[in-house]
Amino acid sequence: MLRLVASAALGVVIGALIVALLGNPDTGMPIFGIALTVFILAITITRLASGLSASFPSAAAVHEARDARRLGRARIDSVRQTGTFINEQPVCDIDVTVVALTGDAWATTIRTIVPLIELPAYQSGVERDVAILLEGGPEVAFVDGELSPAEIERIVIPTRTEVEVRSIPPGTRIDKGRRRGPLIGIGRRGRPLRLAVFAVVAALAAGAVLLPFREGLGLTVDAWSEGRWSVDMRRPDTLLSAERSLEEAIGHDRVVSITVIADAVIVNAPVRAGAIETDEWTYRGGRVSHDGPASSQPQLAEEQFSWSDVALDRIWPAIENASAQSGLPTDGGSVFIHRTTDTDLDSPTFNRSVEAPEISFGLRDDYRDQSFRLDATGTDLRAMG
């Protein structure tokens, strides 16, 4: 079960990383951090459990073996530390040779905690009573004092090389008289099927994280197909996607301003069509976020305009044209769209942004910058100062 959890967590890690790379780090990175922690914990606990589960039999399993007189004598052949400590006590692999009261004999290796104060009881050559948890072993548990002196005297433990080595299946435990393993086995047998199951679980988990960001993923794939590493929101197709998503989220097509940067579109839009109160909305990575009241509030409803009032598809060609004219790169240039100011001194809306919408943007390199303006139809490109 823990391995399935680890697979799902790995899928979430991958999905969250993709979400962050798509332009949503505020969402992706917290998910990434939580999922990575879960993945590491699940893997660590799985590794510990797979090595220790067979060596920590339940009290019920030991009691059952005692009642059934499945007992024997074991000689400790060698002890090796694994490098793992639990409660500051070393976890060790102990090679033992076992002889049951029935005469059956075998060699095996158990992994268990060796308390430091009990080290003399785990020295090579020491013989101890054991409970045999299943008929024929190989699982055993040390239970000193169970055999009588006569039983101990008649048991002769052979050398390790004279008996069959019986390995304890990894990740198993004894429960109610049966050997039980994990939900999905961990041996070599069936490994391709297990890997396929883990891959499917990881893919489903990644898909669940990416599902709300599928639009941004599609835009990124389109950008890659065009030879670009990332989405550029100033291009016609991506800007159109942003417009559709923002209109749907806001509930109408009226805006006070539109700001377009390489990875996002930010708009100030009235809380409802015709209202003066204005909120800020952001489209980034295929998702729309509502950022609350805009920092700058309009004075008049006439400062609003419609998306359709602006030739959005002409913005990118104008940027390319301005780049060719100025010799400045297109990278990083931001676009701002809003109504121009009424300059008629006799007008009741003097000095208010109620005139035709205008598009402005800037280009720069390490040594100079240049501003440009474009009318709403996208046909009159002018370099400014």
Protein backbone atom coordinates (compact mmCIF):
# COMPACT_ATOMS: atom_id res chain seq x y z
CA MET A 1 0.00 0.00 0.00
CA LEU A 2 2.80 2.40 0.88
CA ARG A 3 4.41 1.79 -2.50
CA LEU A 4 1.16 2.80 -4.20
CA VAL A 5 1.15 5.93 -2.03
CA ALA A 6 4.76 6.60 -3.06
CA SER A 7 3.84 6.15 -6.74
CA ALA A 8 0.91 8.54 -6.41
CA ALA A 9 3.09 11.06 -4.57
CA LEU A 10 5.73 10.82 -7.31
CA GLY A 11 3.02 11.52 -9.90
CA VAL A 12 1.87 14.56 -7.92
CA VAL A 13 5.51 15.76 -7.70
CA ILE A 14 5.84 15.55 -11.48
CA GLY A 15 2.46 17.19 -12.06
CA ALA A 16 3.18 20.01 -9.60
CA LEU A 17 6.58 20.66 -11.18
CA ILE A 18 4.94 20.93 -14.61
CA VAL A 19 2.31 23.29 -13.15
CA ALA A 20 5.09 25.50 -11.77
CA LEU A 21 6.91 25.49 -15.11
CA LEU A 22 3.67 26.41 -16.87
CA GLY A 23 3.68 29.70 -14.99
CA ASN A 24 1.86 28.85 -11.75
CA PRO A 25 4.69 28.58 -9.19
CA ASP A 26 2.48 29.87 -6.36
CA THR A 27 0.25 26.83 -6.86
CA GLY A 28 2.74 24.26 -8.11
CA MET A 29 5.59 24.67 -5.62
CA PRO A 30 3.56 24.15 -2.40
CA ILE A 31 2.01 21.01 -3.92
CA PHE A 32 5.49 19.92 -5.05
CA GLY A 33 6.91 20.34 -1.54
CA ILE A 34 4.11 18.43 0.19
CA ALA A 35 4.10 15.61 -2.36
CA LEU A 36 7.89 15.24 -2.26
CA THR A 37 7.77 14.93 1.53
CA VAL A 38 5.07 12.25 1.30
CA PHE A 39 7.09 10.41 -1.36
CA ILE A 40 10.28 10.38 0.74
CA LEU A 41 8.42 9.26 3.87
CA ALA A 42 6.58 6.50 2.01
CA ILE A 43 9.79 5.19 0.43
CA THR A 44 11.67 5.31 3.76
CA ILE A 45 8.92 3.54 5.70
CA THR A 46 8.52 0.96 2.92
CA ARG A 47 12.21 0.12 2.97
CA LEU A 48 12.23 -0.21 6.74
CA ALA A 49 9.03 -2.24 6.81
CA SER A 50 10.12 -4.61 4.04
CA GLY A 51 13.26 -5.48 5.96
CA LEU A 52 11.78 -5.65 9.45
CA SER A 53 8.24 -6.99 9.04
CA ALA A 54 9.25 -10.65 9.17
CA SER A 55 11.54 -10.03 12.16
CA PHE A 56 8.92 -8.48 14.42
CA PRO A 57 6.32 -11.21 14.74
CA SER A 58 3.14 -10.44 16.57
CA ALA A 59 2.70 -11.67 20.12
CA ALA A 60 -0.20 -13.76 18.86
CA ALA A 61 2.01 -15.55 16.33
CA VAL A 62 4.61 -16.37 19.02
CA HIS A 63 1.91 -17.51 21.46
CA GLU A 64 0.38 -19.76 18.82
CA ALA A 65 3.78 -21.35 18.09
CA ARG A 66 4.33 -21.98 21.79
CA ASP A 67 0.89 -23.55 22.21
CA ALA A 68 1.53 -25.79 19.21
CA ARG A 69 5.00 -26.66 20.56
CA ARG A 70 6.59 -25.48 17.32
CA LEU A 71 9.86 -24.93 19.12
CA GLY A 72 13.49 -25.50 18.44
CA ARG A 73 17.03 -24.44 19.09
CA ALA A 74 19.01 -21.90 17.04
CA ARG A 75 22.71 -21.10 16.94
CA ILE A 76 23.78 -17.58 16.06
CA ASP A 77 26.39 -17.90 13.31
CA SER A 78 27.11 -14.22 12.66
CA VAL A 79 25.73 -10.75 13.29
CA ARG A 80 25.97 -7.78 10.90
CA GLN A 81 24.80 -4.23 11.43
CA THR A 82 22.59 -2.82 8.66
CA GLY A 83 23.43 0.81 9.45
CA THR A 84 19.84 1.49 10.57
CA PHE A 85 19.03 2.49 14.15
CA ILE A 86 15.62 2.53 15.82
CA ASN A 87 15.43 4.31 19.18
CA GLU A 88 19.25 4.40 19.07
CA GLN A 89 19.39 0.59 18.95
CA PRO A 90 21.07 -1.07 15.94
CA VAL A 91 19.10 -3.11 13.44
CA CYS A 92 21.13 -6.21 12.58
CA ASP A 93 21.06 -9.15 10.18
CA ILE A 94 21.58 -12.35 12.16
CA ASP A 95 22.56 -15.60 10.47
CA VAL A 96 21.13 -18.56 12.41
CA THR A 97 21.07 -22.32 12.04
CA VAL A 98 17.84 -23.82 13.41
CA VAL A 99 16.87 -27.31 14.50
CA ALA A 100 13.19 -27.94 15.32
CA LEU A 101 12.02 -30.40 17.98
CA THR A 102 10.80 -32.50 15.07
CA GLY A 103 14.38 -32.78 13.80
CA ASP A 104 13.94 -30.55 10.77
CA ALA A 105 16.93 -28.23 10.30
CA TRP A 106 17.68 -25.19 8.16
CA ALA A 107 19.69 -22.00 8.04
CA THR A 108 18.23 -18.54 7.56
CA THR A 109 18.88 -14.85 8.19
CA ILE A 110 16.61 -12.72 10.33
CA ARG A 111 16.68 -8.95 10.74
CA THR A 112 15.88 -7.54 14.13
CA ILE A 113 16.77 -4.86 16.66
CA VAL A 114 19.64 -5.90 18.92
CA PRO A 115 19.37 -4.00 22.23
CA LEU A 116 22.82 -2.84 23.29
CA ILE A 117 22.34 -4.21 26.81
CA GLU A 118 21.64 -7.68 25.33
CA LEU A 119 24.71 -7.91 23.09
CA PRO A 120 26.11 -11.02 24.86
CA ALA A 121 22.96 -12.94 23.85
CA TYR A 122 23.71 -12.26 20.18
CA GLN A 123 27.35 -13.34 20.01
CA SER A 124 28.44 -15.87 17.39
CA GLY A 125 28.15 -19.41 18.70
CA VAL A 126 25.41 -18.65 21.25
CA GLU A 127 22.51 -21.11 21.18
CA ARG A 128 19.00 -19.99 22.11
CA ASP A 129 15.48 -21.35 22.19
CA VAL A 130 13.24 -20.26 19.33
CA ALA A 131 9.57 -20.40 18.41
CA ILE A 132 8.99 -21.56 14.84
CA LEU A 133 6.21 -19.34 13.58
CA LEU A 134 5.21 -21.62 10.68
CA GLU A 135 5.68 -25.32 10.25
CA GLY A 136 8.97 -25.74 8.41
CA GLY A 137 10.02 -22.14 9.05
CA PRO A 138 12.04 -20.28 8.16
CA GLU A 139 10.58 -17.53 10.38
CA VAL A 140 11.64 -17.87 14.02
CA ALA A 141 11.55 -15.75 17.17
CA PHE A 142 13.85 -16.01 20.17
CA VAL A 143 11.93 -17.34 23.21
CA ASP A 144 14.46 -18.25 25.89
CA GLY A 145 13.38 -20.71 28.55
CA GLU A 146 10.83 -22.69 26.54
CA LEU A 147 12.81 -25.92 26.17
CA SER A 148 13.60 -28.30 29.00
CA PRO A 149 17.21 -29.29 29.73
CA ALA A 150 16.48 -32.74 28.32
CA GLU A 151 15.15 -31.28 25.07
CA ILE A 152 18.16 -28.99 24.76
CA GLU A 153 20.54 -31.89 25.42
CA ARG A 154 19.17 -34.05 22.62
CA ILE A 155 19.24 -31.26 20.01
CA VAL A 156 22.50 -31.12 18.13
CA ILE A 157 22.79 -28.16 15.75
CA PRO A 158 24.81 -29.02 12.61
CA THR A 159 27.17 -26.66 10.86
CA ARG A 160 25.53 -24.12 8.61
CA THR A 161 26.94 -25.69 5.44
CA GLU A 162 25.24 -29.02 6.19
CA VAL A 163 21.66 -27.71 6.06
CA GLU A 164 19.36 -26.05 3.54
CA VAL A 165 19.31 -22.27 3.50
CA ARG A 166 15.71 -21.05 3.63
CA SER A 167 15.26 -17.35 2.93
CA ILE A 168 12.46 -15.35 4.50
CA PRO A 169 10.34 -13.80 1.71
CA PRO A 170 10.93 -10.03 1.88
CA GLY A 171 8.14 -7.82 3.10
CA THR A 172 6.13 -10.69 4.63
CA ARG A 173 4.80 -11.28 8.14
CA ILE A 174 3.09 -14.08 10.01
CA ASP A 175 -0.55 -13.42 10.83
CA LYS A 176 -3.10 -15.97 12.06
CA GLY A 177 -0.94 -18.88 11.04
CA ARG A 178 -0.32 -17.67 7.51
CA ARG A 179 2.46 -15.84 5.76
CA ARG A 180 1.07 -12.58 4.46
CA GLY A 181 2.80 -10.21 2.08
CA PRO A 182 2.11 -6.67 0.91
CA LEU A 183 -0.84 -5.89 -1.33
CA ILE A 184 1.55 -5.92 -4.27
CA GLY A 185 4.51 -8.31 -4.06
CA ILE A 186 8.11 -7.11 -4.07
CA GLY A 187 9.96 -10.13 -5.46
CA ARG A 188 11.34 -10.52 -8.97
CA ARG A 189 8.31 -12.45 -10.06
CA GLY A 190 5.70 -10.13 -11.52
CA ARG A 191 8.03 -7.13 -11.50
CA PRO A 192 6.97 -5.87 -14.98
CA LEU A 193 3.32 -5.92 -13.92
CA ARG A 194 4.09 -4.09 -10.68
CA LEU A 195 6.08 -1.44 -12.49
CA ALA A 196 3.18 -0.99 -14.91
CA VAL A 197 0.74 -0.57 -12.00
CA PHE A 198 3.01 1.96 -10.30
CA ALA A 199 3.42 3.86 -13.59
CA VAL A 200 -0.35 3.98 -14.11
CA VAL A 201 -0.92 5.23 -10.54
CA ALA A 202 1.75 7.91 -10.99
CA ALA A 203 0.29 8.96 -14.34
CA LEU A 204 -3.23 9.21 -12.90
CA ALA A 205 -1.97 11.30 -9.97
CA ALA A 206 -0.03 13.61 -12.29
CA GLY A 207 -3.09 13.89 -14.53
CA ALA A 208 -5.28 14.85 -11.57
CA VAL A 209 -2.89 17.71 -10.72
CA LEU A 210 -2.62 18.84 -14.33
CA LEU A 211 -6.33 18.62 -15.15
CA PRO A 212 -7.20 22.14 -13.94
CA PHE A 213 -4.21 23.43 -15.94
CA ARG A 214 -4.93 21.52 -19.17
CA GLU A 215 -5.42 24.72 -21.17
CA GLY A 216 -2.00 26.02 -20.15
CA LEU A 217 -0.48 22.65 -20.95
CA GLY A 218 -2.02 22.76 -24.41
CA LEU A 219 -0.61 26.24 -25.00
CA THR A 220 2.83 25.07 -23.90
CA VAL A 221 2.72 22.07 -26.23
CA ASP A 222 1.73 24.39 -29.08
CA ALA A 223 4.68 26.66 -28.25
CA TRP A 224 7.05 23.68 -28.30
CA SER A 225 5.69 22.58 -31.66
CA GLU A 226 6.64 26.04 -32.98
CA GLY A 227 10.16 25.79 -31.63
CA ARG A 228 9.61 28.00 -28.57
CA TRP A 229 10.41 26.87 -25.04
CA SER A 230 7.59 28.79 -23.37
CA VAL A 231 4.24 30.42 -24.03
CA ASP A 232 4.24 34.06 -25.14
CA MET A 233 0.89 35.65 -24.25
CA ARG A 234 1.46 38.50 -26.74
CA ARG A 235 0.95 36.17 -29.71
CA PRO A 236 -2.49 36.08 -31.35
CA ASP A 237 -3.48 32.49 -30.48
CA THR A 238 -2.51 32.65 -26.82
CA LEU A 239 -3.98 36.13 -26.38
CA LEU A 240 -7.26 34.88 -27.85
CA SER A 241 -7.27 31.98 -25.36
CA ALA A 242 -6.70 34.43 -22.53
CA GLU A 243 -9.52 36.66 -23.75
CA ARG A 244 -12.00 33.76 -23.87
CA SER A 245 -11.05 32.51 -20.41
CA LEU A 246 -11.14 35.96 -18.82
CA GLU A 247 -14.49 36.86 -20.33
CA GLU A 248 -15.95 33.59 -19.09
CA ALA A 249 -14.57 34.07 -15.57
CA ILE A 250 -15.52 37.76 -15.30
CA GLY A 251 -18.96 37.29 -16.81
CA HIS A 252 -18.85 40.10 -19.38
CA ASP A 253 -16.51 41.61 -21.99
CA ARG A 254 -15.96 45.05 -20.47
CA VAL A 255 -12.51 46.10 -19.23
CA VAL A 256 -10.80 49.28 -18.04
CA SER A 257 -7.29 48.19 -18.99
CA ILE A 258 -5.41 45.18 -20.36
CA THR A 259 -1.77 44.47 -19.59
CA VAL A 260 -0.04 41.73 -21.58
CA ILE A 261 3.35 40.38 -20.55
CA ALA A 262 5.15 37.33 -21.87
CA ASP A 263 3.62 34.88 -19.40
CA ALA A 264 0.37 36.53 -18.28
CA VAL A 265 -2.56 38.78 -19.15
CA ILE A 266 -3.76 41.12 -16.41
CA VAL A 267 -7.01 43.05 -16.72
CA ASN A 268 -8.90 45.56 -14.65
CA ALA A 269 -12.59 44.90 -15.21
CA PRO A 270 -15.77 46.26 -13.58
CA VAL A 271 -17.46 43.93 -11.12
CA ARG A 272 -20.39 44.02 -13.57
CA ALA A 273 -20.89 45.68 -16.93
CA GLY A 274 -21.45 49.43 -16.48
CA ALA A 275 -20.33 49.52 -12.82
CA ILE A 276 -17.47 51.76 -11.73
CA GLU A 277 -16.09 49.41 -9.05
CA THR A 278 -13.22 47.51 -10.66
CA ASP A 279 -11.40 44.28 -9.83
CA GLU A 280 -8.14 42.81 -11.09
CA TRP A 281 -8.00 39.45 -12.88
CA THR A 282 -4.97 37.49 -14.11
CA TYR A 283 -4.66 34.77 -16.73
CA ARG A 284 -1.46 32.74 -16.26
CA GLY A 285 -0.57 29.16 -17.13
CA GLY A 286 -4.03 28.46 -18.53
CA ARG A 287 -5.89 29.55 -15.39
CA VAL A 288 -7.70 32.70 -14.30
CA SER A 289 -7.23 34.13 -10.82
CA HIS A 290 -9.37 36.84 -9.22
CA ASP A 291 -6.98 39.17 -7.40
CA GLY A 292 -9.50 41.46 -5.67
CA PRO A 293 -10.09 45.22 -6.08
CA ALA A 294 -7.84 46.96 -8.58
CA SER A 295 -5.22 49.26 -7.08
CA SER A 296 -6.42 52.11 -9.32
CA GLN A 297 -10.16 52.71 -9.58
CA PRO A 298 -11.73 54.55 -12.58
CA GLN A 299 -13.79 57.69 -12.13
CA LEU A 300 -16.33 57.07 -14.89
CA ALA A 301 -18.03 54.05 -16.46
CA GLU A 302 -17.06 55.54 -19.84
CA GLU A 303 -13.46 54.54 -19.16
CA GLN A 304 -14.44 50.95 -19.96
CA PHE A 305 -14.19 49.38 -23.40
CA SER A 306 -14.81 45.98 -24.94
CA TRP A 307 -12.23 43.41 -25.94
CA SER A 308 -13.68 43.55 -29.44
CA ASP A 309 -12.84 47.28 -29.64
CA VAL A 310 -9.16 46.34 -29.97
CA ALA A 311 -7.49 44.37 -32.78
CA LEU A 312 -5.66 41.99 -30.46
CA ASP A 313 -4.41 39.87 -33.35
CA ARG A 314 -2.43 42.87 -34.66
CA ILE A 315 -0.38 43.34 -31.49
CA TRP A 316 2.28 40.72 -32.17
CA PRO A 317 2.83 41.74 -35.82
CA ALA A 318 3.22 45.34 -34.58
CA ILE A 319 5.82 44.22 -32.01
CA GLU A 320 7.76 42.39 -34.72
CA ASN A 321 7.52 45.45 -36.97
CA ALA A 322 8.73 47.74 -34.18
CA SER A 323 11.61 45.34 -33.47
CA ALA A 324 12.65 45.41 -37.11
CA GLN A 325 12.52 49.21 -37.19
CA SER A 326 14.40 49.79 -33.95
CA GLY A 327 16.76 46.83 -33.90
CA LEU A 328 15.56 46.01 -30.38
CA PRO A 329 14.58 42.46 -29.42
CA THR A 330 10.96 41.42 -28.90
CA ASP A 331 11.81 39.56 -25.67
CA GLY A 332 10.18 40.89 -22.55
CA GLY A 333 8.29 43.82 -24.07
CA SER A 334 5.00 44.40 -22.22
CA VAL A 335 1.77 45.72 -23.75
CA PHE A 336 -0.70 48.11 -22.12
CA ILE A 337 -4.18 48.86 -23.53
CA HIS A 338 -6.52 51.52 -22.19
CA ARG A 339 -8.60 54.46 -23.38
CA THR A 340 -6.74 57.65 -24.21
CA THR A 341 -7.30 60.89 -22.32
CA ASP A 342 -9.89 63.51 -23.31
CA THR A 343 -7.88 66.71 -23.96
CA ASP A 344 -10.84 69.00 -24.76
CA LEU A 345 -10.82 71.74 -22.14
CA ASP A 346 -14.53 72.36 -22.65
CA SER A 347 -15.52 68.74 -22.34
CA PRO A 348 -17.19 67.50 -19.12
CA THR A 349 -14.84 64.51 -19.28
CA PHE A 350 -11.67 66.59 -19.68
CA ASN A 351 -8.54 64.76 -18.53
CA ARG A 352 -10.46 61.48 -18.20
CA SER A 353 -9.57 58.29 -20.07
CA VAL A 354 -12.69 58.14 -22.21
CA GLU A 355 -11.33 58.46 -25.76
CA ALA A 356 -10.61 55.63 -28.21
CA PRO A 357 -8.54 52.73 -26.84
CA GLU A 358 -4.85 52.77 -27.59
CA ILE A 359 -2.15 50.10 -27.48
CA SER A 360 1.29 50.97 -26.13
CA PHE A 361 4.35 48.79 -25.65
CA GLY A 362 8.08 49.09 -25.14
CA LEU A 363 11.17 47.27 -26.37
CA ARG A 364 14.62 47.37 -24.82
CA ASP A 365 18.06 45.83 -24.65
CA ASP A 366 20.99 46.37 -22.29
CA TYR A 367 21.77 49.82 -23.71
CA ARG A 368 18.56 51.50 -24.83
CA ASP A 369 14.78 51.30 -24.89
CA GLN A 370 12.01 52.58 -27.13
CA SER A 371 8.27 53.07 -26.64
CA PHE A 372 5.65 52.56 -29.34
CA ARG A 373 1.98 53.30 -29.72
CA LEU A 374 -0.62 51.63 -31.87
CA ASP A 375 -4.21 52.60 -32.50
CA ALA A 376 -7.02 50.19 -31.62
CA THR A 377 -7.21 48.89 -35.20
CA GLY A 378 -3.54 47.94 -35.11
CA THR A 379 -2.68 49.88 -38.27
CA ASP A 380 -0.92 53.05 -37.09
CA LEU A 381 2.38 52.21 -35.43
CA ARG A 382 4.27 55.18 -34.00
CA ALA A 383 7.58 55.35 -32.21
CA MET A 384 7.52 57.67 -29.22
CA GLY A 385 10.31 60.07 -28.23
